Structures are given as structure tokens and as C-alpha cells.
Amino acid sequence: MRNVRPASIQSAVQASIRAAGGLEAAANDLGIGVSTLSHGTEISEQRPGGLGINYADRLSRIVPEAAVPIAQHFAMLAGGTFQPLAVSGATAGDVHRLTREFSDVLQRHAAAHSSASSEPQDYTPTEAADQIRELDEMVGAAMAFRSVLVGKMEGR
């Protein structure tokens, strides 16, 4: 695939195509030629619309993993973030998982601001990365719990 600017829509589309199994698999799923799909990932004055949101939608419906890079891209543009949920397993709706994840966030915060940290007044880059991972796990647990509750509310 082409070299593209990171965090661009072209980058998100390429990641989506990779998640769908690559150019050939994605083109086959979409019912279009490989060259057409490849051409749709570039910035072009002859084709200013790029791949087209309808193709991205269709591919994401066929291969749901292909939707993740697109969702992440548009969430970032909207000032947010997208975290896919894995709502399965014995603890998917368990409030205990949520409290455990929150406890992990508090532990990371305390460690980052302790005398054992090289910068106890703030997060170091490594501590920030670790805390982001813990926050993502906590948010994922909260949203999985929410999803289970919504299902119960709706009678599922």
C-alpha cells in the first residue's frame, strides 16, 4: 500500500483494509478490483472522494474488525477516543471487575506520585503510558458493564 501521513483518513482506511485481510481480501469482499481499492486509498484530484464511505461501511459490516481504525480516526477528530469492547466471558457484566480496574488506576497514580518515582510531582512518559493502559482497561470494564445493563433494560 501507499505511504500515507499518520492519523490521516488514508492511514485509517489502510489499517481497515489490513484488518480485513489485505487488499485482495477486501477487494473481493467489496466486489471491486484490487486496483480500484488501491486507487481509492490515495489523495487524488481525479477522485477527490477517495474510497468512499459506502465502501468503508460495507467492508466494516462484512469484517467488523475493519471498522475499528475508521471509528478510532473519526473519534479522534471529534476530540474523543474509541475503545472496542469485548463483551463476553464470565465477568463481562461484573461490577467487581470495574472496581478492580479502578483500584489499578489508583495504584498507578499513587506509584507515579510516590518518592519511588523519578518525578513524584507528575507522571513520567512511562508512567503516563502505563496509566493510560489502566484507564483504557477501566473504561472498557465500565462500558462492558453498561452494555450488559442496557441489554437487561431492553429485555435481552
Foldseek 3Di string as FASTA:
>chain_A
DDDDDPLDVLNLQQVLQVLCPHLVSLCVQLVHDSVLLVQLSDCDPVCNCRPDVVSLVSSCVVRVSSCQSVVQSVQVVVVHGDQDADQDDDCLQPVVQLVVLVVVLVVLLCVQLDPVHPCNVDHDPVSVVVNVVSVSSNVNSVVSNVVVVVCVVVPD
